[in-house]
Amino acid sequence: MSEFQITLTEEQTKSLQHYVFEMTSEAVKRAVSTAGSDKEWLNQGDAAKWLGVSTSTLLNYVKEYSLPCSGKGGRKFYSKTQISAWLLESQIGGARNAR
C-alpha cells in the first residue's frame, strides 16, 4: 500500500477541522431528528411534531375534523398510517367539495 502526506497551513488545518465539525454536527442533528421516526404509534406531542403543528391544533383536528386517534386512561395515541389516510381523504374530499 502506498503512503502519501499532505502538508496544510495552519489556516487550512483549522478550515478542515471546522468543515469536519460542521458535517458531523449536521449528521448528528439529522440522526436525532429522525430517531424513533420508524414508530407507527405516536403520542400527542410526537404526532403534532410529525405533522408540524402545535398540540392544540392537533386536538382541534381530532375534535373538529375527526382525525383518528386511540386512547386509554386519558392518553391518546395516533397511528401514522391512519393520519396519512386521513390527510389523503381530507385532500380528496376537499377537492370533491370544491367542485
N, C-alpha and C. Protein backbone atom coordinates (compact mmCIF):
# COMPACT_ATOMS: atom_id res chain seq x y z
N MET A 1 0.85 -1.17 0.00
CA MET A 1 0.00 0.00 0.00
C MET A 1 0.89 1.23 0.00
N SER A 2 0.57 2.18 -0.85
CA SER A 2 1.35 3.42 -0.94
C SER A 2 0.90 4.38 0.14
N GLU A 3 1.83 5.21 0.56
CA GLU A 3 1.53 6.21 1.57
C GLU A 3 1.94 7.58 1.05
N PHE A 4 1.12 8.58 1.33
CA PHE A 4 1.49 9.93 0.95
C PHE A 4 1.07 10.89 2.06
N GLN A 5 1.67 12.04 2.07
CA GLN A 5 1.37 13.04 3.09
C GLN A 5 0.97 14.34 2.42
N ILE A 6 0.07 15.03 3.08
CA ILE A 6 -0.35 16.35 2.61
C ILE A 6 0.01 17.34 3.70
N THR A 7 0.67 18.38 3.32
CA THR A 7 1.04 19.42 4.27
C THR A 7 0.06 20.57 4.14
N LEU A 8 -0.54 20.95 5.26
CA LEU A 8 -1.51 22.04 5.27
C LEU A 8 -0.98 23.20 6.11
N THR A 9 -1.38 24.37 5.71
CA THR A 9 -1.05 25.53 6.54
C THR A 9 -1.95 25.49 7.78
N GLU A 10 -1.63 26.31 8.76
CA GLU A 10 -2.45 26.36 9.97
C GLU A 10 -3.88 26.78 9.63
N GLU A 11 -4.02 27.72 8.73
CA GLU A 11 -5.35 28.18 8.32
C GLU A 11 -6.13 27.06 7.62
N GLN A 12 -5.46 26.30 6.76
CA GLN A 12 -6.11 25.19 6.07
C GLN A 12 -6.51 24.10 7.07
N THR A 13 -5.65 23.85 8.05
CA THR A 13 -5.96 22.85 9.07
C THR A 13 -7.20 23.25 9.86
N LYS A 14 -7.26 24.51 10.27
CA LYS A 14 -8.43 25.00 11.01
C LYS A 14 -9.68 24.93 10.15
N SER A 15 -9.54 25.28 8.88
CA SER A 15 -10.68 25.24 7.96
C SER A 15 -11.19 23.81 7.79
N LEU A 16 -10.27 22.86 7.65
CA LEU A 16 -10.64 21.46 7.51
C LEU A 16 -11.30 20.95 8.79
N GLN A 17 -10.76 21.31 9.94
CA GLN A 17 -11.36 20.91 11.22
C GLN A 17 -12.77 21.47 11.35
N HIS A 18 -12.94 22.73 10.98
CA HIS A 18 -14.26 23.35 11.04
C HIS A 18 -15.24 22.63 10.12
N TYR A 19 -14.80 22.30 8.91
CA TYR A 19 -15.65 21.60 7.94
C TYR A 19 -16.08 20.24 8.49
N VAL A 20 -15.12 19.48 9.02
CA VAL A 20 -15.44 18.16 9.57
C VAL A 20 -16.40 18.29 10.75
N PHE A 21 -16.18 19.28 11.60
CA PHE A 21 -17.07 19.52 12.74
C PHE A 21 -18.48 19.83 12.27
N GLU A 22 -18.61 20.73 11.29
CA GLU A 22 -19.93 21.11 10.78
C GLU A 22 -20.65 19.92 10.14
N MET A 23 -19.94 19.14 9.36
CA MET A 23 -20.55 17.97 8.71
C MET A 23 -20.99 16.95 9.76
N THR A 24 -20.17 16.72 10.76
CA THR A 24 -20.52 15.79 11.83
C THR A 24 -21.72 16.29 12.62
N SER A 25 -21.73 17.58 12.93
CA SER A 25 -22.85 18.17 13.66
C SER A 25 -24.16 18.01 12.90
N GLU A 26 -24.13 18.25 11.60
CA GLU A 26 -25.33 18.09 10.78
C GLU A 26 -25.80 16.65 10.76
N ALA A 27 -24.87 15.70 10.66
CA ALA A 27 -25.24 14.29 10.66
C ALA A 27 -25.87 13.89 11.99
N VAL A 28 -25.34 14.39 13.09
CA VAL A 28 -25.90 14.09 14.41
C VAL A 28 -27.29 14.70 14.53
N LYS A 29 -27.47 15.94 14.08
CA LYS A 29 -28.79 16.59 14.13
C LYS A 29 -29.81 15.79 13.35
N ARG A 30 -29.43 15.32 12.16
CA ARG A 30 -30.36 14.52 11.34
C ARG A 30 -30.70 13.22 12.05
N ALA A 31 -29.70 12.58 12.65
CA ALA A 31 -29.94 11.32 13.35
C ALA A 31 -30.87 11.52 14.54
N VAL A 32 -30.65 12.59 15.28
CA VAL A 32 -31.50 12.87 16.45
C VAL A 32 -32.92 13.19 16.01
N SER A 33 -33.08 13.97 14.93
CA SER A 33 -34.42 14.36 14.50
C SER A 33 -35.20 13.19 13.93
N THR A 34 -34.51 12.18 13.40
CA THR A 34 -35.23 11.04 12.84
C THR A 34 -35.27 9.85 13.79
N ALA A 35 -34.65 9.97 14.95
CA ALA A 35 -34.67 8.88 15.92
C ALA A 35 -36.11 8.59 16.32
N GLY A 36 -36.48 7.35 16.24
CA GLY A 36 -37.84 6.97 16.59
C GLY A 36 -38.86 7.26 15.51
N SER A 37 -38.41 7.76 14.36
CA SER A 37 -39.36 8.11 13.31
C SER A 37 -39.95 6.87 12.64
N ASP A 38 -39.41 5.70 12.95
CA ASP A 38 -39.96 4.49 12.38
C ASP A 38 -41.09 3.91 13.24
N LYS A 39 -41.42 4.58 14.35
CA LYS A 39 -42.53 4.13 15.20
C LYS A 39 -43.85 4.35 14.46
N GLU A 40 -44.74 3.39 14.54
CA GLU A 40 -46.07 3.53 13.92
C GLU A 40 -46.98 4.38 14.79
N TRP A 41 -46.95 4.15 16.10
CA TRP A 41 -47.85 4.86 17.01
C TRP A 41 -47.11 5.98 17.72
N LEU A 42 -47.72 7.15 17.73
CA LEU A 42 -47.11 8.34 18.31
C LEU A 42 -47.97 8.87 19.45
N ASN A 43 -47.33 9.43 20.46
CA ASN A 43 -48.10 10.11 21.49
C ASN A 43 -48.50 11.49 20.94
N GLN A 44 -49.25 12.23 21.71
CA GLN A 44 -49.79 13.51 21.24
C GLN A 44 -48.70 14.48 20.78
N GLY A 45 -47.67 14.63 21.59
CA GLY A 45 -46.59 15.56 21.25
C GLY A 45 -45.84 15.15 20.00
N ASP A 46 -45.54 13.85 19.89
CA ASP A 46 -44.82 13.36 18.72
C ASP A 46 -45.67 13.45 17.46
N ALA A 47 -46.97 13.19 17.59
CA ALA A 47 -47.87 13.29 16.44
C ALA A 47 -47.94 14.73 15.94
N ALA A 48 -48.04 15.67 16.87
CA ALA A 48 -48.08 17.08 16.48
C ALA A 48 -46.78 17.47 15.79
N LYS A 49 -45.66 17.04 16.35
CA LYS A 49 -44.35 17.34 15.76
C LYS A 49 -44.24 16.71 14.37
N TRP A 50 -44.71 15.46 14.23
CA TRP A 50 -44.65 14.75 12.94
C TRP A 50 -45.46 15.49 11.89
N LEU A 51 -46.60 16.05 12.30
CA LEU A 51 -47.44 16.82 11.37
C LEU A 51 -46.96 18.25 11.19
N GLY A 52 -46.11 18.71 12.10
CA GLY A 52 -45.63 20.09 12.02
C GLY A 52 -46.64 21.11 12.51
N VAL A 53 -47.44 20.71 13.50
CA VAL A 53 -48.45 21.60 14.07
C VAL A 53 -48.31 21.61 15.59
N SER A 54 -49.00 22.53 16.25
CA SER A 54 -48.99 22.56 17.71
C SER A 54 -49.92 21.47 18.24
N THR A 55 -49.77 21.14 19.53
CA THR A 55 -50.66 20.14 20.11
C THR A 55 -52.10 20.63 20.15
N SER A 56 -52.31 21.93 20.33
CA SER A 56 -53.68 22.44 20.33
C SER A 56 -54.31 22.31 18.94
N THR A 57 -53.51 22.50 17.89
CA THR A 57 -54.03 22.30 16.53
C THR A 57 -54.34 20.83 16.31
N LEU A 58 -53.48 19.94 16.80
CA LEU A 58 -53.73 18.51 16.67
C LEU A 58 -55.04 18.14 17.35
N LEU A 59 -55.26 18.63 18.56
CA LEU A 59 -56.51 18.35 19.28
C LEU A 59 -57.71 18.93 18.54
N ASN A 60 -57.53 20.07 17.91
CA ASN A 60 -58.60 20.66 17.10
C ASN A 60 -58.92 19.76 15.90
N TYR A 61 -57.89 19.19 15.28
CA TYR A 61 -58.12 18.26 14.17
C TYR A 61 -58.94 17.06 14.63
N VAL A 62 -58.66 16.57 15.84
CA VAL A 62 -59.41 15.43 16.37
C VAL A 62 -60.86 15.83 16.60
N LYS A 63 -61.06 16.97 17.24
CA LYS A 63 -62.41 17.41 17.62
C LYS A 63 -63.24 17.87 16.43
N GLU A 64 -62.66 18.72 15.60
CA GLU A 64 -63.42 19.35 14.52
C GLU A 64 -63.39 18.58 13.19
N TYR A 65 -62.32 17.83 12.96
CA TYR A 65 -62.16 17.20 11.65
C TYR A 65 -61.99 15.69 11.71
N SER A 66 -62.27 15.10 12.86
CA SER A 66 -62.27 13.65 13.05
C SER A 66 -60.94 12.97 12.74
N LEU A 67 -59.83 13.62 13.11
CA LEU A 67 -58.53 12.95 12.99
C LEU A 67 -58.57 11.72 13.89
N PRO A 68 -58.29 10.53 13.35
CA PRO A 68 -58.39 9.32 14.16
C PRO A 68 -57.30 9.24 15.23
N CYS A 69 -57.71 8.81 16.41
CA CYS A 69 -56.76 8.55 17.49
C CYS A 69 -57.34 7.46 18.38
N SER A 70 -56.47 6.84 19.14
CA SER A 70 -56.88 5.81 20.09
C SER A 70 -56.42 6.25 21.46
N GLY A 71 -57.20 5.91 22.46
CA GLY A 71 -56.82 6.35 23.79
C GLY A 71 -57.14 5.33 24.85
N LYS A 72 -56.39 5.42 25.92
CA LYS A 72 -56.61 4.56 27.07
C LYS A 72 -56.11 5.32 28.28
N GLY A 73 -56.93 5.43 29.29
CA GLY A 73 -56.52 6.07 30.53
C GLY A 73 -56.16 7.54 30.36
N GLY A 74 -56.86 8.24 29.49
CA GLY A 74 -56.61 9.66 29.31
C GLY A 74 -55.49 9.99 28.33
N ARG A 75 -54.74 9.00 27.89
CA ARG A 75 -53.66 9.23 26.92
C ARG A 75 -54.17 8.91 25.53
N LYS A 76 -53.75 9.71 24.56
CA LYS A 76 -54.15 9.49 23.18
C LYS A 76 -52.93 9.10 22.36
N PHE A 77 -53.15 8.18 21.43
CA PHE A 77 -52.11 7.73 20.53
C PHE A 77 -52.60 7.84 19.10
N TYR A 78 -51.68 8.12 18.22
CA TYR A 78 -52.00 8.39 16.82
C TYR A 78 -51.18 7.48 15.93
N SER A 79 -51.85 6.84 14.97
CA SER A 79 -51.19 5.96 14.02
C SER A 79 -50.76 6.78 12.80
N LYS A 80 -49.49 6.64 12.41
CA LYS A 80 -49.02 7.36 11.22
C LYS A 80 -49.81 6.93 9.98
N THR A 81 -50.12 5.65 9.89
CA THR A 81 -50.88 5.14 8.75
C THR A 81 -52.26 5.78 8.70
N GLN A 82 -52.93 5.85 9.86
CA GLN A 82 -54.26 6.44 9.91
C GLN A 82 -54.22 7.94 9.65
N ILE A 83 -53.20 8.62 10.16
CA ILE A 83 -53.06 10.06 9.90
C ILE A 83 -52.87 10.30 8.41
N SER A 84 -52.00 9.50 7.78
CA SER A 84 -51.74 9.66 6.34
C SER A 84 -53.01 9.42 5.53
N ALA A 85 -53.77 8.39 5.91
CA ALA A 85 -55.03 8.11 5.21
C ALA A 85 -56.02 9.25 5.42
N TRP A 86 -56.08 9.79 6.64
CA TRP A 86 -56.97 10.92 6.95
C TRP A 86 -56.59 12.13 6.12
N LEU A 87 -55.29 12.42 6.01
CA LEU A 87 -54.83 13.55 5.21
C LEU A 87 -55.21 13.37 3.74
N LEU A 88 -55.00 12.16 3.23
CA LEU A 88 -55.33 11.89 1.83
C LEU A 88 -56.83 12.02 1.61
N GLU A 89 -57.63 11.48 2.50
CA GLU A 89 -59.08 11.56 2.38
C GLU A 89 -59.54 13.01 2.48
N SER A 90 -58.93 13.77 3.38
CA SER A 90 -59.28 15.19 3.52
C SER A 90 -58.97 15.94 2.25
N GLN A 91 -57.84 15.60 1.63
CA GLN A 91 -57.44 16.25 0.38
C GLN A 91 -58.41 15.89 -0.73
N ILE A 92 -58.73 14.60 -0.84
CA ILE A 92 -59.66 14.15 -1.88
C ILE A 92 -61.04 14.72 -1.62
N GLY A 93 -61.50 14.63 -0.36
CA GLY A 93 -62.81 15.17 0.00
C GLY A 93 -62.88 16.66 -0.25
N GLY A 94 -61.80 17.37 0.08
CA GLY A 94 -61.74 18.81 -0.16
C GLY A 94 -61.81 19.13 -1.63
N ALA A 95 -61.14 18.32 -2.45
CA ALA A 95 -61.16 18.54 -3.90
C ALA A 95 -62.56 18.27 -4.45
N ARG A 96 -63.22 17.24 -3.93
CA ARG A 96 -64.58 16.94 -4.38
C ARG A 96 -65.54 18.05 -3.98
N ASN A 97 -65.38 18.52 -2.75
CA ASN A 97 -66.28 19.57 -2.25
C ASN A 97 -66.05 20.90 -2.93
N ALA A 98 -64.87 21.10 -3.48
CA ALA A 98 -64.55 22.38 -4.14
C ALA A 98 -65.17 22.48 -5.52
N ARG A 99 -65.58 21.35 -6.07
CA ARG A 99 -66.16 21.35 -7.43
C ARG A 99 -67.52 21.96 -7.46
